Amino acid sequence: MILVVAEFLCLSTLSNMVYMVFSGANPTVKGCGSITFDDNFTTIERCERMRELVRETGCKPTFDSQFGSVNEEFNYVCEDVKVIKNSISLQMAAVLMGAFIFGQASDHFGRRFVLIIGLLGSSLFSFFTALSPNLLWFNVFRVLAGLFTGGISVVQGVYLVENVPRKQRMLINTVITWLFIPFLRYS
């Protein structure tokens, strides 16, 4: 049972970390309202033209992207993309802080208790992230989710190893750590 829970904790932690990588993907500006930009326009020309059209006509920009991102959701495109990149940096800093805080807390309060708190906090704030009305609240919820994700990532491995018989620790740790690699390779 502990091994199954460990796999789900790995999945939760991995998805929170991978999300940070792709959430700031910058979409390509394709046009504004009914106006479509020429494919020969550079990114800078597209951004300048979009700003002009929005200022003059109030049109809604259209984007081309492989998937929706925070940039599109809250309309941070072109040079405003730096704001999103900075927010991702804050989220990663929260993961580091969470690892430090939860590591110390697990020594004091017990690993299982701290792991449960980490999982609940990560789940709760990840859910609230989906309900964010603007970038400020999105960042607040993602930073808090990152704090708990960092806690999960540092405590779960130690908890797993402590609950596996001593003779099987290396084998189980290797299986848990490397089990998902073949699935990634052939997916």
C-alpha atoms as a PDB file:
ATOM      1  CA  MET A   1       0.000   0.000   0.000  1.00  0.00           C
ATOM      2  CA  ILE A   2       2.813   2.394   0.862  1.00  0.00           C
ATOM      3  CA  LEU A   3       4.371   1.829  -2.566  1.00  0.00           C
ATOM      4  CA  VAL A   4       1.116   2.661  -4.362  1.00  0.00           C
ATOM      5  CA  VAL A   5       0.720   5.855  -2.341  1.00  0.00           C
ATOM      6  CA  ALA A   6       4.351   6.733  -3.098  1.00  0.00           C
ATOM      7  CA  GLU A   7       3.687   6.447  -6.835  1.00  0.00           C
ATOM      8  CA  PHE A   8       0.713   8.803  -6.598  1.00  0.00           C
ATOM      9  CA  LEU A   9       2.765  11.258  -4.553  1.00  0.00           C
ATOM     10  CA  CYS A  10       5.460  11.150  -7.255  1.00  0.00           C
ATOM     11  CA  LEU A  11       2.809  11.820  -9.899  1.00  0.00           C
ATOM     12  CA  SER A  12       1.386  14.749  -7.939  1.00  0.00           C
ATOM     13  CA  THR A  13       4.805  16.290  -7.382  1.00  0.00           C
ATOM     14  CA  LEU A  14       5.893  15.698 -10.969  1.00  0.00           C
ATOM     15  CA  SER A  15       2.761  17.250 -12.436  1.00  0.00           C
ATOM     16  CA  ASN A  16       3.110  20.360 -10.274  1.00  0.00           C
ATOM     17  CA  MET A  17       6.724  20.794 -11.354  1.00  0.00           C
ATOM     18  CA  VAL A  18       6.092  20.094 -15.050  1.00  0.00           C
ATOM     19  CA  TYR A  19       3.179  22.511 -14.989  1.00  0.00           C
ATOM     20  CA  MET A  20       5.575  25.317 -14.083  1.00  0.00           C
ATOM     21  CA  VAL A  21       7.657  24.563 -17.152  1.00  0.00           C
ATOM     22  CA  PHE A  22       4.786  24.790 -19.638  1.00  0.00           C
ATOM     23  CA  SER A  23       2.508  27.354 -17.994  1.00  0.00           C
ATOM     24  CA  GLY A  24       4.540  30.280 -19.305  1.00  0.00           C
ATOM     25  CA  ALA A  25       4.528  29.243 -22.975  1.00  0.00           C
ATOM     26  CA  ASN A  26       4.279  32.386 -25.064  1.00  0.00           C
ATOM     27  CA  PRO A  27       1.646  32.177 -27.828  1.00  0.00           C
ATOM     28  CA  THR A  28       2.115  33.614 -31.312  1.00  0.00           C
ATOM     29  CA  VAL A  29      -0.031  36.666 -32.039  1.00  0.00           C
ATOM     30  CA  LYS A  30      -2.024  35.798 -35.171  1.00  0.00           C
ATOM     31  CA  GLY A  31      -4.214  38.859 -35.431  1.00  0.00           C
ATOM     32  CA  CYS A  32      -6.629  41.191 -33.731  1.00  0.00           C
ATOM     33  CA  GLY A  33     -10.377  40.863 -34.209  1.00  0.00           C
ATOM     34  CA  SER A  34     -11.093  40.177 -37.870  1.00  0.00           C
ATOM     35  CA  ILE A  35      -7.607  41.310 -38.971  1.00  0.00           C
ATOM     36  CA  THR A  36      -5.077  38.518 -39.534  1.00  0.00           C
ATOM     37  CA  PHE A  37      -1.381  39.394 -39.599  1.00  0.00           C
ATOM     38  CA  ASP A  38       0.909  38.526 -42.479  1.00  0.00           C
ATOM     39  CA  ASP A  39       3.009  35.395 -41.878  1.00  0.00           C
ATOM     40  CA  ASN A  40       6.122  37.392 -42.810  1.00  0.00           C
ATOM     41  CA  PHE A  41       5.741  39.645 -39.740  1.00  0.00           C
ATOM     42  CA  THR A  42       8.346  39.135 -37.034  1.00  0.00           C
ATOM     43  CA  THR A  43       7.262  38.643 -33.430  1.00  0.00           C
ATOM     44  CA  ILE A  44       8.129  42.252 -32.614  1.00  0.00           C
ATOM     45  CA  GLU A  45       6.127  43.547 -35.597  1.00  0.00           C
ATOM     46  CA  ARG A  46       3.141  41.411 -34.602  1.00  0.00           C
ATOM     47  CA  CYS A  47       3.255  42.761 -31.047  1.00  0.00           C
ATOM     48  CA  GLU A  48       3.541  46.387 -32.198  1.00  0.00           C
ATOM     49  CA  ARG A  49       0.676  45.973 -34.671  1.00  0.00           C
ATOM     50  CA  MET A  50      -1.484  44.252 -32.043  1.00  0.00           C
ATOM     51  CA  ARG A  51      -0.933  47.095 -29.549  1.00  0.00           C
ATOM     52  CA  GLU A  52      -1.845  49.684 -32.211  1.00  0.00           C
ATOM     53  CA  LEU A  53      -5.039  47.865 -33.176  1.00  0.00           C
ATOM     54  CA  VAL A  54      -6.123  47.304 -29.586  1.00  0.00           C
ATOM     55  CA  ARG A  55      -5.531  50.988 -28.810  1.00  0.00           C
ATOM     56  CA  GLU A  56      -7.333  52.208 -31.955  1.00  0.00           C
ATOM     57  CA  THR A  57     -10.187  49.723 -32.323  1.00  0.00           C
ATOM     58  CA  GLY A  58     -10.390  47.837 -29.033  1.00  0.00           C
ATOM     59  CA  CYS A  59     -10.228  44.523 -30.885  1.00  0.00           C
ATOM     60  CA  LYS A  60      -9.527  41.239 -29.124  1.00  0.00           C
ATOM     61  CA  PRO A  61      -6.150  39.658 -30.034  1.00  0.00           C
ATOM     62  CA  THR A  62      -6.117  36.133 -31.456  1.00  0.00           C
ATOM     63  CA  PHE A  63      -3.317  33.713 -30.694  1.00  0.00           C
ATOM     64  CA  ASP A  64      -1.877  30.509 -32.051  1.00  0.00           C
ATOM     65  CA  SER A  65      -0.462  28.042 -29.550  1.00  0.00           C
ATOM     66  CA  GLN A  66      -0.133  24.324 -29.000  1.00  0.00           C
ATOM     67  CA  PHE A  67      -1.996  24.563 -25.678  1.00  0.00           C
ATOM     68  CA  GLY A  68      -3.499  27.224 -23.456  1.00  0.00           C
ATOM     69  CA  SER A  69      -1.093  28.982 -21.115  1.00  0.00           C
ATOM     70  CA  VAL A  70      -1.179  31.521 -18.331  1.00  0.00           C
ATOM     71  CA  ASN A  71      -0.016  34.126 -20.844  1.00  0.00           C
ATOM     72  CA  GLU A  72      -3.162  33.646 -22.913  1.00  0.00           C
ATOM     73  CA  GLU A  73      -5.474  33.243 -19.931  1.00  0.00           C
ATOM     74  CA  PHE A  74      -4.536  36.595 -18.382  1.00  0.00           C
ATOM     75  CA  ASN A  75      -3.431  38.343 -21.618  1.00  0.00           C
ATOM     76  CA  TYR A  76       0.273  38.714 -20.790  1.00  0.00           C
ATOM     77  CA  VAL A  77       1.866  38.518 -24.217  1.00  0.00           C
ATOM     78  CA  CYS A  78       4.780  40.089 -26.038  1.00  0.00           C
ATOM     79  CA  GLU A  79       7.012  41.997 -23.607  1.00  0.00           C
ATOM     80  CA  ASP A  80       4.551  41.367 -20.742  1.00  0.00           C
ATOM     81  CA  VAL A  81       5.677  37.726 -20.803  1.00  0.00           C
ATOM     82  CA  LYS A  82       8.428  38.706 -18.346  1.00  0.00           C
ATOM     83  CA  VAL A  83       5.796  39.005 -15.629  1.00  0.00           C
ATOM     84  CA  ILE A  84       4.842  35.351 -16.114  1.00  0.00           C
ATOM     85  CA  LYS A  85       8.478  34.223 -16.128  1.00  0.00           C
ATOM     86  CA  ASN A  86       9.043  36.077 -12.841  1.00  0.00           C
ATOM     87  CA  SER A  87       5.993  34.401 -11.318  1.00  0.00           C
ATOM     88  CA  ILE A  88       7.367  30.982 -12.299  1.00  0.00           C
ATOM     89  CA  SER A  89      10.628  31.909 -10.550  1.00  0.00           C
ATOM     90  CA  LEU A  90       8.651  32.732  -7.393  1.00  0.00           C
ATOM     91  CA  GLN A  91       6.917  29.371  -7.610  1.00  0.00           C
ATOM     92  CA  MET A  92      10.237  27.538  -7.891  1.00  0.00           C
ATOM     93  CA  ALA A  93      11.603  29.487  -4.914  1.00  0.00           C
ATOM     94  CA  ALA A  94       8.535  28.367  -2.938  1.00  0.00           C
ATOM     95  CA  VAL A  95       9.340  24.735  -3.794  1.00  0.00           C
ATOM     96  CA  LEU A  96      12.825  25.182  -2.330  1.00  0.00           C
ATOM     97  CA  MET A  97      11.437  26.861   0.783  1.00  0.00           C
ATOM     98  CA  GLY A  98       8.862  24.092   1.181  1.00  0.00           C
ATOM     99  CA  ALA A  99      11.564  21.429   0.971  1.00  0.00           C
ATOM    100  CA  PHE A 100      13.506  23.123   3.751  1.00  0.00           C
ATOM    101  CA  ILE A 101      10.510  23.813   5.991  1.00  0.00           C
ATOM    102  CA  PHE A 102       8.826  20.436   5.563  1.00  0.00           C
ATOM    103  CA  GLY A 103      12.100  18.547   5.958  1.00  0.00           C
ATOM    104  CA  GLN A 104      12.634  20.115   9.352  1.00  0.00           C
ATOM    105  CA  ALA A 105       8.967  19.709  10.299  1.00  0.00           C
ATOM    106  CA  SER A 106       8.992  16.011   9.416  1.00  0.00           C
ATOM    107  CA  ASP A 107      11.839  15.427  11.855  1.00  0.00           C
ATOM    108  CA  HIS A 108       9.888  17.175  14.578  1.00  0.00           C
ATOM    109  CA  PHE A 109       6.235  16.147  13.941  1.00  0.00           C
ATOM    110  CA  GLY A 110       6.627  12.855  12.080  1.00  0.00           C
ATOM    111  CA  ARG A 111       6.869  12.073   8.398  1.00  0.00           C
ATOM    112  CA  ARG A 112       3.369  10.692   7.862  1.00  0.00           C
ATOM    113  CA  PHE A 113       1.659  13.721   9.421  1.00  0.00           C
ATOM    114  CA  VAL A 114       3.783  16.177   7.438  1.00  0.00           C
ATOM    115  CA  LEU A 115       3.279  14.170   4.222  1.00  0.00           C
ATOM    116  CA  ILE A 116      -0.506  14.225   4.667  1.00  0.00           C
ATOM    117  CA  ILE A 117      -0.429  17.979   5.335  1.00  0.00           C
ATOM    118  CA  GLY A 118       1.720  18.452   2.222  1.00  0.00           C
ATOM    119  CA  LEU A 119      -0.617  16.423   0.039  1.00  0.00           C
ATOM    120  CA  LEU A 120      -3.719  18.201   1.331  1.00  0.00           C
ATOM    121  CA  GLY A 121      -2.135  21.636   0.944  1.00  0.00           C
ATOM    122  CA  SER A 122      -0.849  20.895  -2.544  1.00  0.00           C
ATOM    123  CA  SER A 123      -4.247  19.560  -3.638  1.00  0.00           C
ATOM    124  CA  LEU A 124      -6.187  22.414  -2.086  1.00  0.00           C
ATOM    125  CA  PHE A 125      -4.073  25.218  -3.521  1.00  0.00           C
ATOM    126  CA  SER A 126      -3.815  23.522  -6.923  1.00  0.00           C
ATOM    127  CA  PHE A 127      -7.631  23.450  -6.974  1.00  0.00           C
ATOM    128  CA  PHE A 128      -7.834  27.121  -5.992  1.00  0.00           C
ATOM    129  CA  THR A 129      -5.376  27.932  -8.782  1.00  0.00           C
ATOM    130  CA  ALA A 130      -8.002  26.804 -11.289  1.00  0.00           C
ATOM    131  CA  LEU A 131     -10.434  29.349  -9.828  1.00  0.00           C
ATOM    132  CA  SER A 132      -8.022  32.301  -9.954  1.00  0.00           C
ATOM    133  CA  PRO A 133      -9.692  35.460 -11.273  1.00  0.00           C
ATOM    134  CA  ASN A 134      -6.419  37.237 -12.103  1.00  0.00           C
ATOM    135  CA  LEU A 135      -2.651  36.818 -12.155  1.00  0.00           C
ATOM    136  CA  LEU A 136      -2.164  38.017  -8.578  1.00  0.00           C
ATOM    137  CA  TRP A 137      -4.381  35.294  -7.105  1.00  0.00           C
ATOM    138  CA  PHE A 138      -2.938  32.770  -9.545  1.00  0.00           C
ATOM    139  CA  ASN A 139       0.540  33.539  -8.198  1.00  0.00           C
ATOM    140  CA  VAL A 140      -0.565  33.411  -4.566  1.00  0.00           C
ATOM    141  CA  PHE A 141      -2.149  29.981  -5.029  1.00  0.00           C
ATOM    142  CA  ARG A 142       0.724  28.616  -7.146  1.00  0.00           C
ATOM    143  CA  VAL A 143       3.330  29.786  -4.628  1.00  0.00           C
ATOM    144  CA  LEU A 144       1.416  28.089  -1.810  1.00  0.00           C
ATOM    145  CA  ALA A 145       0.975  24.931  -3.914  1.00  0.00           C
ATOM    146  CA  GLY A 146       4.713  25.041  -4.653  1.00  0.00           C
ATOM    147  CA  LEU A 147       5.498  25.314  -0.950  1.00  0.00           C
ATOM    148  CA  PHE A 148       3.544  22.131  -0.230  1.00  0.00           C
ATOM    149  CA  THR A 149       4.914  20.395  -3.356  1.00  0.00           C
ATOM    150  CA  GLY A 150       8.443  21.009  -2.133  1.00  0.00           C
ATOM    151  CA  GLY A 151       7.433  19.494   1.178  1.00  0.00           C
ATOM    152  CA  ILE A 152       6.042  16.379  -0.469  1.00  0.00           C
ATOM    153  CA  SER A 153       9.102  15.886  -2.639  1.00  0.00           C
ATOM    154  CA  VAL A 154      11.551  15.954   0.262  1.00  0.00           C
ATOM    155  CA  VAL A 155       9.540  13.903   2.756  1.00  0.00           C
ATOM    156  CA  GLN A 156       8.078  11.169   0.565  1.00  0.00           C
ATOM    157  CA  GLY A 157      11.355   9.446  -0.320  1.00  0.00           C
ATOM    158  CA  VAL A 158      12.484   9.268   3.289  1.00  0.00           C
ATOM    159  CA  TYR A 159       9.060   8.058   4.420  1.00  0.00           C
ATOM    160  CA  LEU A 160       9.069   5.366   1.753  1.00  0.00           C
ATOM    161  CA  VAL A 161      12.528   4.084   2.617  1.00  0.00           C
ATOM    162  CA  GLU A 162      11.759   4.050   6.342  1.00  0.00           C
ATOM    163  CA  ASN A 163       8.680   1.860   5.763  1.00  0.00           C
ATOM    164  CA  VAL A 164      10.295  -0.767   3.559  1.00  0.00           C
ATOM    165  CA  PRO A 165      12.187  -3.697   5.094  1.00  0.00           C
ATOM    166  CA  ARG A 166      15.914  -2.977   5.307  1.00  0.00           C
ATOM    167  CA  LYS A 167      16.920  -5.801   2.915  1.00  0.00           C
ATOM    168  CA  GLN A 168      14.596  -4.566   0.156  1.00  0.00           C
ATOM    169  CA  ARG A 169      15.201  -0.807   0.414  1.00  0.00           C
ATOM    170  CA  MET A 170      17.598  -0.487  -2.512  1.00  0.00           C
ATOM    171  CA  LEU A 171      15.428  -2.560  -4.847  1.00  0.00           C
ATOM    172  CA  ILE A 172      12.198  -0.781  -3.940  1.00  0.00           C
ATOM    173  CA  ASN A 173      13.785   2.659  -4.122  1.00  0.00           C
ATOM    174  CA  THR A 174      15.182   1.845  -7.567  1.00  0.00           C
ATOM    175  CA  VAL A 175      11.828   0.528  -8.817  1.00  0.00           C
ATOM    176  CA  ILE A 176       9.923   3.560  -7.507  1.00  0.00           C
ATOM    177  CA  THR A 177      12.471   6.015  -8.861  1.00  0.00           C
ATOM    178  CA  TRP A 178      12.835   4.543 -12.347  1.00  0.00           C
ATOM    179  CA  LEU A 179       9.458   2.884 -12.980  1.00  0.00           C
ATOM    180  CA  PHE A 180       7.983   5.746 -15.002  1.00  0.00           C
ATOM    181  CA  ILE A 181      10.918   6.107 -17.444  1.00  0.00           C
ATOM    182  CA  PRO A 182       9.825   3.332 -19.866  1.00  0.00           C
ATOM    183  CA  PHE A 183       6.325   4.799 -20.005  1.00  0.00           C
ATOM    184  CA  LEU A 184       7.692   8.225 -20.911  1.00  0.00           C
ATOM    185  CA  ARG A 185       9.915   6.753 -23.587  1.00  0.00           C
ATOM    186  CA  TYR A 186       7.123   4.962 -25.455  1.00  0.00           C
ATOM    187  CA  SER A 187       4.225   7.350 -24.890  1.00  0.00           C
END
